[in-house]
Amino acid sequence: MPRTARGGEQTTLQARRRRSAIMTSLVWCASAICLLPLVLITAHLLVGGARVLGPRFFTALPTPPGVSGGGIANGIAGTLLLLLVAAAIGLPIGLGAGLFLAERTRTRLAETVRFLADVLSGLPSIVIGIFVWELIVRPSGQFSALAGGVALGVLMIPLITRATEAMVQLVPNALREAALALGYSRARTSLTIVLRTALPGIVTASLLAVARVAGETAPLLFTAFGTPYWSLRLDAPIAALPLQIFNYATSPYDDWRAQAWGGALVLIVLVFALSWLARRVTESRRERLNATVAGGAAE
């Protein structure tokens, strides 16, 4: 090979390496910029909220205005109850709609449901709160935990619907055909074979949907309303962490504002825990799938 050609190849190789290094640096910078707000928010919450955390913060009720101390026990219990009601409403509807969209993907009804789910997922949460207020709160004449759970459940429905559709579509058609060949009805195939195969991905999406609605405040202002007392009744106003954080953060009392930072820290830890659990479910499913594939290849 002539020396000039060899020198040209080396120059081209060096130029490619420089471009690769530049692009790698840009990707790292972009990743750092994306993570910077999360790091700053988490650090600010740790500085502002860790100083109020303690056993009493998790077990005591809120104190009257101007009185130091107290806790957010009712807010934690209320948030868990609201998420339970929301999951009881959003999960069955979302799973059923997603399974229908995946199994009847090209029908006109499926296209309509898919379009409505996309529209619903783009609606501001405060609009959902006003809708549930008009649907439940106004006719009953009182705010309630049931209304708050319905509002959060409505927010969960489009998220679970689209995620279920995506997970079910990943199931190989060979499983459906095998079940139908064995005499299974189409409904039984969808519920016992297809849905069971896609279950890990659906569980992950459901946990992420719960984490998504756990921090919603606007719909709860029109439905659950909040209370400083201990209440777990579905037909009465109920406390929730987002509501307490909002009320405490806008109050003129320093102790309440400090507790708002503590409540925000607890809420973000809850969201992190749900996200981590969803990631673990996905990873365990992937590990089992890889082990199955490796075992089949070995045989």
C-alpha atoms as a PDB file:
ATOM      1  CA  MET A   1       0.000   0.000   0.000  1.00  0.00           C
ATOM      2  CA  PRO A   2       1.412   3.440  -0.888  1.00  0.00           C
ATOM      3  CA  ARG A   3       2.535   5.609   2.016  1.00  0.00           C
ATOM      4  CA  THR A   4       0.161   8.417   1.040  1.00  0.00           C
ATOM      5  CA  ALA A   5      -2.854   6.074   1.128  1.00  0.00           C
ATOM      6  CA  ARG A   6      -1.776   4.704   4.504  1.00  0.00           C
ATOM      7  CA  GLY A   7      -1.354   8.234   5.855  1.00  0.00           C
ATOM      8  CA  GLY A   8      -4.804   9.173   4.556  1.00  0.00           C
ATOM      9  CA  GLU A   9      -6.387   6.199   6.340  1.00  0.00           C
ATOM     10  CA  GLN A  10      -4.677   7.167   9.605  1.00  0.00           C
ATOM     11  CA  THR A  11      -5.898  10.743   9.255  1.00  0.00           C
ATOM     12  CA  THR A  12      -9.443   9.518   8.614  1.00  0.00           C
ATOM     13  CA  LEU A  13      -9.247   7.172  11.602  1.00  0.00           C
ATOM     14  CA  GLN A  14      -8.028   9.974  13.873  1.00  0.00           C
ATOM     15  CA  ALA A  15     -10.826  12.247  12.656  1.00  0.00           C
ATOM     16  CA  ARG A  16     -13.400   9.541  13.416  1.00  0.00           C
ATOM     17  CA  ARG A  17     -11.980   9.047  16.884  1.00  0.00           C
ATOM     18  CA  ARG A  18     -12.131  12.778  17.540  1.00  0.00           C
ATOM     19  CA  ARG A  19     -15.740  12.922  16.379  1.00  0.00           C
ATOM     20  CA  SER A  20     -16.563   9.894  18.517  1.00  0.00           C
ATOM     21  CA  ALA A  21     -14.946  11.483  21.568  1.00  0.00           C
ATOM     22  CA  ILE A  22     -16.797  14.754  20.959  1.00  0.00           C
ATOM     23  CA  MET A  23     -20.157  13.029  20.567  1.00  0.00           C
ATOM     24  CA  THR A  24     -19.535  10.866  23.653  1.00  0.00           C
ATOM     25  CA  SER A  25     -18.728  14.000  25.651  1.00  0.00           C
ATOM     26  CA  LEU A  26     -21.902  15.689  24.386  1.00  0.00           C
ATOM     27  CA  VAL A  27     -23.990  12.671  25.404  1.00  0.00           C
ATOM     28  CA  TRP A  28     -22.454  12.696  28.887  1.00  0.00           C
ATOM     29  CA  CYS A  29     -23.103  16.433  29.182  1.00  0.00           C
ATOM     30  CA  ALA A  30     -26.717  16.004  28.070  1.00  0.00           C
ATOM     31  CA  SER A  31     -27.209  13.198  30.603  1.00  0.00           C
ATOM     32  CA  ALA A  32     -25.723  15.344  33.366  1.00  0.00           C
ATOM     33  CA  ILE A  33     -27.997  18.252  32.443  1.00  0.00           C
ATOM     34  CA  CYS A  34     -31.040  15.949  32.548  1.00  0.00           C
ATOM     35  CA  LEU A  35     -30.051  14.563  35.960  1.00  0.00           C
ATOM     36  CA  LEU A  36     -29.088  17.938  37.435  1.00  0.00           C
ATOM     37  CA  PRO A  37     -32.660  19.087  38.295  1.00  0.00           C
ATOM     38  CA  LEU A  38     -33.400  15.750  39.983  1.00  0.00           C
ATOM     39  CA  VAL A  39     -30.170  15.905  41.985  1.00  0.00           C
ATOM     40  CA  LEU A  40     -30.805  19.511  43.037  1.00  0.00           C
ATOM     41  CA  ILE A  41     -34.418  18.794  44.031  1.00  0.00           C
ATOM     42  CA  THR A  42     -33.423  15.698  46.004  1.00  0.00           C
ATOM     43  CA  ALA A  43     -30.588  17.534  47.748  1.00  0.00           C
ATOM     44  CA  HIS A  44     -32.875  20.457  48.605  1.00  0.00           C
ATOM     45  CA  LEU A  45     -35.484  18.083  50.003  1.00  0.00           C
ATOM     46  CA  LEU A  46     -32.873  16.270  52.079  1.00  0.00           C
ATOM     47  CA  VAL A  47     -31.579  19.546  53.526  1.00  0.00           C
ATOM     48  CA  GLY A  48     -35.024  20.994  54.190  1.00  0.00           C
ATOM     49  CA  GLY A  49     -36.934  17.860  55.176  1.00  0.00           C
ATOM     50  CA  ALA A  50     -34.518  15.551  56.965  1.00  0.00           C
ATOM     51  CA  ARG A  51     -34.371  17.791  60.052  1.00  0.00           C
ATOM     52  CA  VAL A  52     -38.066  17.266  60.834  1.00  0.00           C
ATOM     53  CA  LEU A  53     -38.121  13.519  60.262  1.00  0.00           C
ATOM     54  CA  GLY A  54     -38.506  11.347  63.324  1.00  0.00           C
ATOM     55  CA  PRO A  55     -40.841   8.785  64.901  1.00  0.00           C
ATOM     56  CA  ARG A  56     -43.343  11.455  65.916  1.00  0.00           C
ATOM     57  CA  PHE A  57     -43.442  12.880  62.391  1.00  0.00           C
ATOM     58  CA  PHE A  58     -44.794   9.546  61.111  1.00  0.00           C
ATOM     59  CA  THR A  59     -47.130   8.758  64.025  1.00  0.00           C
ATOM     60  CA  ALA A  60     -48.607  12.087  65.210  1.00  0.00           C
ATOM     61  CA  LEU A  61     -51.445  14.168  63.811  1.00  0.00           C
ATOM     62  CA  PRO A  62     -50.978  17.755  62.608  1.00  0.00           C
ATOM     63  CA  THR A  63     -50.903  20.417  65.297  1.00  0.00           C
ATOM     64  CA  PRO A  64     -53.015  23.607  65.303  1.00  0.00           C
ATOM     65  CA  PRO A  65     -51.583  26.678  63.530  1.00  0.00           C
ATOM     66  CA  GLY A  66     -48.690  28.208  65.415  1.00  0.00           C
ATOM     67  CA  VAL A  67     -48.057  25.122  67.583  1.00  0.00           C
ATOM     68  CA  SER A  68     -44.758  23.370  66.908  1.00  0.00           C
ATOM     69  CA  GLY A  69     -44.418  19.625  66.489  1.00  0.00           C
ATOM     70  CA  GLY A  70     -47.000  17.303  65.072  1.00  0.00           C
ATOM     71  CA  GLY A  71     -46.755  14.909  62.175  1.00  0.00           C
ATOM     72  CA  ILE A  72     -48.374  13.654  58.988  1.00  0.00           C
ATOM     73  CA  ALA A  73     -49.671  10.231  60.040  1.00  0.00           C
ATOM     74  CA  ASN A  74     -53.161  10.969  58.731  1.00  0.00           C
ATOM     75  CA  GLY A  75     -51.719  12.186  55.417  1.00  0.00           C
ATOM     76  CA  ILE A  76     -49.701   9.008  54.894  1.00  0.00           C
ATOM     77  CA  ALA A  77     -52.668   6.762  55.728  1.00  0.00           C
ATOM     78  CA  GLY A  78     -54.980   8.867  53.566  1.00  0.00           C
ATOM     79  CA  THR A  79     -52.612   8.730  50.595  1.00  0.00           C
ATOM     80  CA  LEU A  80     -52.383   4.946  50.837  1.00  0.00           C
ATOM     81  CA  LEU A  81     -56.170   4.640  51.035  1.00  0.00           C
ATOM     82  CA  LEU A  82     -56.650   6.943  48.036  1.00  0.00           C
ATOM     83  CA  LEU A  83     -54.135   4.935  46.006  1.00  0.00           C
ATOM     84  CA  LEU A  84     -55.909   1.714  46.989  1.00  0.00           C
ATOM     85  CA  VAL A  85     -59.264   3.074  45.820  1.00  0.00           C
ATOM     86  CA  ALA A  86     -57.677   4.448  42.641  1.00  0.00           C
ATOM     87  CA  ALA A  87     -56.060   1.091  41.869  1.00  0.00           C
ATOM     88  CA  ALA A  88     -59.346  -0.745  42.497  1.00  0.00           C
ATOM     89  CA  ILE A  89     -60.995   1.501  39.903  1.00  0.00           C
ATOM     90  CA  GLY A  90     -58.221   2.127  37.399  1.00  0.00           C
ATOM     91  CA  LEU A  91     -56.638  -1.322  37.184  1.00  0.00           C
ATOM     92  CA  PRO A  92     -59.652  -3.417  36.075  1.00  0.00           C
ATOM     93  CA  ILE A  93     -60.837  -0.811  33.568  1.00  0.00           C
ATOM     94  CA  GLY A  94     -57.339  -0.150  32.225  1.00  0.00           C
ATOM     95  CA  LEU A  95     -56.489  -3.852  31.946  1.00  0.00           C
ATOM     96  CA  GLY A  96     -59.749  -4.661  30.205  1.00  0.00           C
ATOM     97  CA  ALA A  97     -59.467  -1.757  27.784  1.00  0.00           C
ATOM     98  CA  GLY A  98     -55.817  -2.514  27.002  1.00  0.00           C
ATOM     99  CA  LEU A  99     -56.535  -6.193  26.407  1.00  0.00           C
ATOM    100  CA  PHE A 100     -59.444  -5.276  24.128  1.00  0.00           C
ATOM    101  CA  LEU A 101     -57.286  -2.846  22.135  1.00  0.00           C
ATOM    102  CA  ALA A 102     -54.569  -5.464  21.667  1.00  0.00           C
ATOM    103  CA  GLU A 103     -56.956  -8.259  20.642  1.00  0.00           C
ATOM    104  CA  ARG A 104     -59.258  -6.122  18.465  1.00  0.00           C
ATOM    105  CA  THR A 105     -56.674  -3.657  17.281  1.00  0.00           C
ATOM    106  CA  ARG A 106     -58.124  -2.852  13.848  1.00  0.00           C
ATOM    107  CA  THR A 107     -61.809  -2.456  14.666  1.00  0.00           C
ATOM    108  CA  ARG A 108     -63.512   0.906  14.631  1.00  0.00           C
ATOM    109  CA  LEU A 109     -64.413   0.640  18.310  1.00  0.00           C
ATOM    110  CA  ALA A 110     -60.773  -0.062  19.191  1.00  0.00           C
ATOM    111  CA  GLU A 111     -59.630   2.981  17.246  1.00  0.00           C
ATOM    112  CA  THR A 112     -62.189   5.099  19.092  1.00  0.00           C
ATOM    113  CA  VAL A 113     -61.154   3.764  22.505  1.00  0.00           C
ATOM    114  CA  ARG A 114     -57.478   4.287  21.656  1.00  0.00           C
ATOM    115  CA  PHE A 115     -58.138   7.881  20.598  1.00  0.00           C
ATOM    116  CA  LEU A 116     -60.147   8.607  23.745  1.00  0.00           C
ATOM    117  CA  ALA A 117     -57.415   7.094  25.927  1.00  0.00           C
ATOM    118  CA  ASP A 118     -54.825   9.345  24.302  1.00  0.00           C
ATOM    119  CA  VAL A 119     -57.038  12.386  24.796  1.00  0.00           C
ATOM    120  CA  LEU A 120     -57.705  11.458  28.420  1.00  0.00           C
ATOM    121  CA  SER A 121     -53.991  11.028  29.130  1.00  0.00           C
ATOM    122  CA  GLY A 122     -53.377  14.560  27.867  1.00  0.00           C
ATOM    123  CA  LEU A 123     -56.058  16.246  29.961  1.00  0.00           C
ATOM    124  CA  PRO A 124     -54.841  18.408  32.866  1.00  0.00           C
ATOM    125  CA  SER A 125     -55.454  16.693  36.183  1.00  0.00           C
ATOM    126  CA  ILE A 126     -57.439  19.662  37.481  1.00  0.00           C
ATOM    127  CA  VAL A 127     -60.010  19.040  34.732  1.00  0.00           C
ATOM    128  CA  ILE A 128     -60.433  15.484  36.024  1.00  0.00           C
ATOM    129  CA  GLY A 129     -60.908  16.913  39.513  1.00  0.00           C
ATOM    130  CA  ILE A 130     -63.648  19.267  38.342  1.00  0.00           C
ATOM    131  CA  PHE A 131     -65.344  16.427  36.455  1.00  0.00           C
ATOM    132  CA  VAL A 132     -65.396  14.161  39.518  1.00  0.00           C
ATOM    133  CA  TRP A 133     -66.564  17.093  41.662  1.00  0.00           C
ATOM    134  CA  GLU A 134     -69.527  17.537  39.322  1.00  0.00           C
ATOM    135  CA  LEU A 135     -70.133  13.778  39.175  1.00  0.00           C
ATOM    136  CA  ILE A 136     -69.813  12.793  42.865  1.00  0.00           C
ATOM    137  CA  VAL A 137     -69.130  15.698  45.217  1.00  0.00           C
ATOM    138  CA  ARG A 138     -71.875  18.044  44.092  1.00  0.00           C
ATOM    139  CA  PRO A 139     -74.724  15.450  44.091  1.00  0.00           C
ATOM    140  CA  SER A 140     -73.641  14.037  47.475  1.00  0.00           C
ATOM    141  CA  GLY A 141     -73.092  17.466  48.992  1.00  0.00           C
ATOM    142  CA  GLN A 142     -69.726  16.637  50.571  1.00  0.00           C
ATOM    143  CA  PHE A 143     -66.104  15.941  49.766  1.00  0.00           C
ATOM    144  CA  SER A 144     -65.001  12.346  50.249  1.00  0.00           C
ATOM    145  CA  ALA A 145     -62.168   9.872  49.944  1.00  0.00           C
ATOM    146  CA  LEU A 146     -64.225   7.977  47.379  1.00  0.00           C
ATOM    147  CA  ALA A 147     -64.326  11.020  45.105  1.00  0.00           C
ATOM    148  CA  GLY A 148     -60.582  11.487  45.478  1.00  0.00           C
ATOM    149  CA  GLY A 149     -59.934   7.831  44.668  1.00  0.00           C
ATOM    150  CA  VAL A 150     -62.182   8.036  41.603  1.00  0.00           C
ATOM    151  CA  ALA A 151     -60.303  11.100  40.354  1.00  0.00           C
ATOM    152  CA  LEU A 152     -56.939   9.371  40.730  1.00  0.00           C
ATOM    153  CA  GLY A 153     -58.347   6.188  39.197  1.00  0.00           C
ATOM    154  CA  VAL A 154     -59.512   8.098  36.116  1.00  0.00           C
ATOM    155  CA  LEU A 155     -55.991   9.479  35.751  1.00  0.00           C
ATOM    156  CA  MET A 156     -54.603   5.935  35.911  1.00  0.00           C
ATOM    157  CA  ILE A 157     -56.915   4.438  33.283  1.00  0.00           C
ATOM    158  CA  PRO A 158     -55.252   5.771  30.090  1.00  0.00           C
ATOM    159  CA  LEU A 159     -51.749   5.004  31.397  1.00  0.00           C
ATOM    160  CA  ILE A 160     -52.601   1.385  32.193  1.00  0.00           C
ATOM    161  CA  THR A 161     -54.658   0.992  29.009  1.00  0.00           C
ATOM    162  CA  ARG A 162     -51.884   1.974  26.629  1.00  0.00           C
ATOM    163  CA  ALA A 163     -49.225   0.083  28.601  1.00  0.00           C
ATOM    164  CA  THR A 164     -51.347  -3.094  28.669  1.00  0.00           C
ATOM    165  CA  GLU A 165     -51.956  -2.847  24.939  1.00  0.00           C
ATOM    166  CA  ALA A 166     -48.221  -2.532  24.288  1.00  0.00           C
ATOM    167  CA  MET A 167     -47.353  -5.467  26.565  1.00  0.00           C
ATOM    168  CA  VAL A 168     -50.038  -7.769  25.140  1.00  0.00           C
ATOM    169  CA  GLN A 169     -48.954  -7.027  21.578  1.00  0.00           C
ATOM    170  CA  LEU A 170     -45.481  -8.340  22.469  1.00  0.00           C
ATOM    171  CA  VAL A 171     -46.890 -11.805  23.237  1.00  0.00           C
ATOM    172  CA  PRO A 172     -46.116 -14.154  20.309  1.00  0.00           C
ATOM    173  CA  ASN A 173     -49.094 -15.201  18.209  1.00  0.00           C
ATOM    174  CA  ALA A 174     -47.901 -18.802  18.486  1.00  0.00           C
ATOM    175  CA  LEU A 175     -49.125 -18.901  22.094  1.00  0.00           C
ATOM    176  CA  ARG A 176     -52.599 -17.775  21.041  1.00  0.00           C
ATOM    177  CA  GLU A 177     -52.708 -20.281  18.197  1.00  0.00           C
ATOM    178  CA  ALA A 178     -51.556 -23.118  20.445  1.00  0.00           C
ATOM    179  CA  ALA A 179     -54.222 -22.364  23.040  1.00  0.00           C
ATOM    180  CA  LEU A 180     -56.952 -22.099  20.390  1.00  0.00           C
ATOM    181  CA  ALA A 181     -55.780 -25.382  18.866  1.00  0.00           C
ATOM    182  CA  LEU A 182     -56.168 -27.058  22.268  1.00  0.00           C
ATOM    183  CA  GLY A 183     -59.809 -25.987  22.390  1.00  0.00           C
ATOM    184  CA  TYR A 184     -59.551 -22.827  24.488  1.00  0.00           C
ATOM    185  CA  SER A 185     -62.097 -20.154  23.724  1.00  0.00           C
ATOM    186  CA  ARG A 186     -60.792 -16.772  22.576  1.00  0.00           C
ATOM    187  CA  ALA A 187     -61.794 -15.129  25.862  1.00  0.00           C
ATOM    188  CA  ARG A 188     -60.117 -17.834  27.947  1.00  0.00           C
ATOM    189  CA  THR A 189     -56.994 -17.593  25.792  1.00  0.00           C
ATOM    190  CA  SER A 190     -56.788 -13.857  26.323  1.00  0.00           C
ATOM    191  CA  LEU A 191     -57.309 -14.047  30.090  1.00  0.00           C
ATOM    192  CA  THR A 192     -55.321 -17.158  31.036  1.00  0.00           C
ATOM    193  CA  ILE A 193     -52.577 -17.299  28.393  1.00  0.00           C
ATOM    194  CA  VAL A 194     -51.982 -13.884  26.864  1.00  0.00           C
ATOM    195  CA  LEU A 195     -52.604 -11.773  29.951  1.00  0.00           C
ATOM    196  CA  ARG A 196     -50.583 -14.107  32.166  1.00  0.00           C
ATOM    197  CA  THR A 197     -47.626 -13.983  29.771  1.00  0.00           C
ATOM    198  CA  ALA A 198     -47.683 -10.167  29.675  1.00  0.00           C
ATOM    199  CA  LEU A 199     -48.322  -9.859  33.426  1.00  0.00           C
ATOM    200  CA  PRO A 200     -44.801  -8.718  34.498  1.00  0.00           C
ATOM    201  CA  GLY A 201     -44.847  -5.813  32.057  1.00  0.00           C
ATOM    202  CA  ILE A 202     -48.382  -4.918  33.085  1.00  0.00           C
ATOM    203  CA  VAL A 203     -47.401  -4.970  36.774  1.00  0.00           C
ATOM    204  CA  THR A 204     -44.508  -2.630  35.997  1.00  0.00           C
ATOM    205  CA  ALA A 205     -46.783  -0.227  34.131  1.00  0.00           C
ATOM    206  CA  SER A 206     -49.347  -0.352  36.937  1.00  0.00           C
ATOM    207  CA  LEU A 207     -46.742   0.506  39.576  1.00  0.00           C
ATOM    208  CA  LEU A 208     -45.523   3.403  37.465  1.00  0.00           C
ATOM    209  CA  ALA A 209     -49.110   4.613  37.063  1.00  0.00           C
ATOM    210  CA  VAL A 210     -49.594   4.505  40.844  1.00  0.00           C
ATOM    211  CA  ALA A 211     -46.364   6.459  41.288  1.00  0.00           C
ATOM    212  CA  ARG A 212     -47.590   8.952  38.690  1.00  0.00           C
ATOM    213  CA  VAL A 213     -50.838   9.752  40.505  1.00  0.00           C
ATOM    214  CA  ALA A 214     -49.405   9.579  44.037  1.00  0.00           C
ATOM    215  CA  GLY A 215     -48.255  13.190  43.895  1.00  0.00           C
ATOM    216  CA  GLU A 216     -51.359  14.704  42.282  1.00  0.00           C
ATOM    217  CA  THR A 217     -52.755  17.667  44.214  1.00  0.00           C
ATOM    218  CA  ALA A 218     -55.157  19.519  41.910  1.00  0.00           C
ATOM    219  CA  PRO A 219     -57.842  16.793  41.600  1.00  0.00           C
ATOM    220  CA  LEU A 220     -57.781  16.181  45.367  1.00  0.00           C
ATOM    221  CA  LEU A 221     -58.529  19.844  46.075  1.00  0.00           C
ATOM    222  CA  PHE A 222     -61.939  19.338  44.415  1.00  0.00           C
ATOM    223  CA  THR A 223     -62.634  15.855  45.762  1.00  0.00           C
ATOM    224  CA  ALA A 224     -60.861  14.689  48.941  1.00  0.00           C
ATOM    225  CA  PHE A 225     -60.398  18.282  50.204  1.00  0.00           C
ATOM    226  CA  GLY A 226     -58.234  17.219  53.168  1.00  0.00           C
ATOM    227  CA  THR A 227     -58.680  17.259  56.932  1.00  0.00           C
ATOM    228  CA  PRO A 228     -56.378  17.783  59.930  1.00  0.00           C
ATOM    229  CA  TYR A 229     -58.036  14.891  61.759  1.00  0.00           C
ATOM    230  CA  TRP A 230     -57.727  11.128  61.532  1.00  0.00           C
ATOM    231  CA  SER A 231     -60.252   9.760  59.048  1.00  0.00           C
ATOM    232  CA  LEU A 232     -60.325   6.640  56.905  1.00  0.00           C
ATOM    233  CA  ARG A 233     -63.983   6.817  55.908  1.00  0.00           C
ATOM    234  CA  LEU A 234     -64.762   6.722  52.208  1.00  0.00           C
ATOM    235  CA  ASP A 235     -67.735   9.065  52.582  1.00  0.00           C
ATOM    236  CA  ALA A 236     -65.862  11.860  54.393  1.00  0.00           C
ATOM    237  CA  PRO A 237     -63.001  14.250  53.604  1.00  0.00           C
ATOM    238  CA  ILE A 238     -59.599  12.640  53.986  1.00  0.00           C
ATOM    239  CA  ALA A 239     -56.053  13.881  54.412  1.00  0.00           C
ATOM    240  CA  ALA A 240     -53.391  13.260  51.756  1.00  0.00           C
ATOM    241  CA  LEU A 241     -49.706  14.035  51.562  1.00  0.00           C
ATOM    242  CA  PRO A 242     -49.970  16.286  48.462  1.00  0.00           C
ATOM    243  CA  LEU A 243     -52.735  18.318  50.118  1.00  0.00           C
ATOM    244  CA  GLN A 244     -50.798  18.696  53.368  1.00  0.00           C
ATOM    245  CA  ILE A 245     -47.664  19.717  51.490  1.00  0.00           C
ATOM    246  CA  PHE A 246     -49.639  22.335  49.570  1.00  0.00           C
ATOM    247  CA  ASN A 247     -51.335  23.740  52.669  1.00  0.00           C
ATOM    248  CA  TYR A 248     -48.161  23.735  54.769  1.00  0.00           C
ATOM    249  CA  ALA A 249     -45.973  25.243  52.055  1.00  0.00           C
ATOM    250  CA  THR A 250     -48.349  28.200  51.577  1.00  0.00           C
ATOM    251  CA  SER A 251     -48.821  28.839  55.309  1.00  0.00           C
ATOM    252  CA  PRO A 252     -47.091  31.714  57.200  1.00  0.00           C
ATOM    253  CA  TYR A 253     -45.793  29.393  59.950  1.00  0.00           C
ATOM    254  CA  ASP A 254     -42.154  28.298  59.859  1.00  0.00           C
ATOM    255  CA  ASP A 255     -42.881  24.952  61.534  1.00  0.00           C
ATOM    256  CA  TRP A 256     -45.531  24.086  58.965  1.00  0.00           C
ATOM    257  CA  ARG A 257     -43.231  25.022  56.088  1.00  0.00           C
ATOM    258  CA  ALA A 258     -40.535  22.772  57.571  1.00  0.00           C
ATOM    259  CA  GLN A 259     -43.068  19.935  57.756  1.00  0.00           C
ATOM    260  CA  ALA A 260     -43.963  20.610  54.116  1.00  0.00           C
ATOM    261  CA  TRP A 261     -40.365  19.831  53.179  1.00  0.00           C
ATOM    262  CA  GLY A 262     -40.514  16.671  55.277  1.00  0.00           C
ATOM    263  CA  GLY A 263     -43.753  15.573  53.640  1.00  0.00           C
ATOM    264  CA  ALA A 264     -42.305  16.257  50.187  1.00  0.00           C
ATOM    265  CA  LEU A 265     -39.307  14.106  51.065  1.00  0.00           C
ATOM    266  CA  VAL A 266     -41.569  11.259  52.190  1.00  0.00           C
ATOM    267  CA  LEU A 267     -43.628  11.572  49.004  1.00  0.00           C
ATOM    268  CA  ILE A 268     -40.624  11.480  46.703  1.00  0.00           C
ATOM    269  CA  VAL A 269     -39.236   8.476  48.601  1.00  0.00           C
ATOM    270  CA  LEU A 270     -42.590   6.735  48.008  1.00  0.00           C
ATOM    271  CA  VAL A 271     -42.390   7.502  44.285  1.00  0.00           C
ATOM    272  CA  PHE A 272     -38.777   6.311  44.153  1.00  0.00           C
ATOM    273  CA  ALA A 273     -39.749   3.093  45.938  1.00  0.00           C
ATOM    274  CA  LEU A 274     -42.564   2.362  43.484  1.00  0.00           C
ATOM    275  CA  SER A 275     -40.294   3.118  40.514  1.00  0.00           C
ATOM    276  CA  TRP A 276     -37.558   0.888  41.930  1.00  0.00           C
ATOM    277  CA  LEU A 277     -40.060  -1.918  42.512  1.00  0.00           C
ATOM    278  CA  ALA A 278     -41.277  -1.594  38.927  1.00  0.00           C
ATOM    279  CA  ARG A 279     -37.691  -1.778  37.683  1.00  0.00           C
ATOM    280  CA  ARG A 280     -37.002  -4.872  39.786  1.00  0.00           C
ATOM    281  CA  VAL A 281     -40.086  -6.608  38.400  1.00  0.00           C
ATOM    282  CA  THR A 282     -38.902  -5.861  34.861  1.00  0.00           C
ATOM    283  CA  GLU A 283     -35.370  -7.067  35.541  1.00  0.00           C
ATOM    284  CA  SER A 284     -36.520 -10.297  37.200  1.00  0.00           C
ATOM    285  CA  ARG A 285     -38.806 -10.981  34.250  1.00  0.00           C
ATOM    286  CA  ARG A 286     -35.928 -10.382  31.826  1.00  0.00           C
ATOM    287  CA  GLU A 287     -33.627 -12.681  33.811  1.00  0.00           C
ATOM    288  CA  ARG A 288     -36.193 -15.489  33.810  1.00  0.00           C
ATOM    289  CA  LEU A 289     -36.764 -15.041  30.082  1.00  0.00           C
ATOM    290  CA  ASN A 290     -33.037 -15.139  29.351  1.00  0.00           C
ATOM    291  CA  ALA A 291     -32.669 -18.264  31.490  1.00  0.00           C
ATOM    292  CA  THR A 292     -35.513 -19.942  29.633  1.00  0.00           C
ATOM    293  CA  VAL A 293     -34.037 -19.057  26.258  1.00  0.00           C
ATOM    294  CA  ALA A 294     -30.593 -20.266  27.337  1.00  0.00           C
ATOM    295  CA  GLY A 295     -32.052 -23.536  28.623  1.00  0.00           C
ATOM    296  CA  GLY A 296     -33.937 -24.105  25.399  1.00  0.00           C
ATOM    297  CA  ALA A 297     -30.816 -23.428  23.332  1.00  0.00           C
ATOM    298  CA  ALA A 298     -28.807 -25.850  25.469  1.00  0.00           C
ATOM    299  CA  GLU A 299     -31.348 -28.599  24.907  1.00  0.00           C
END
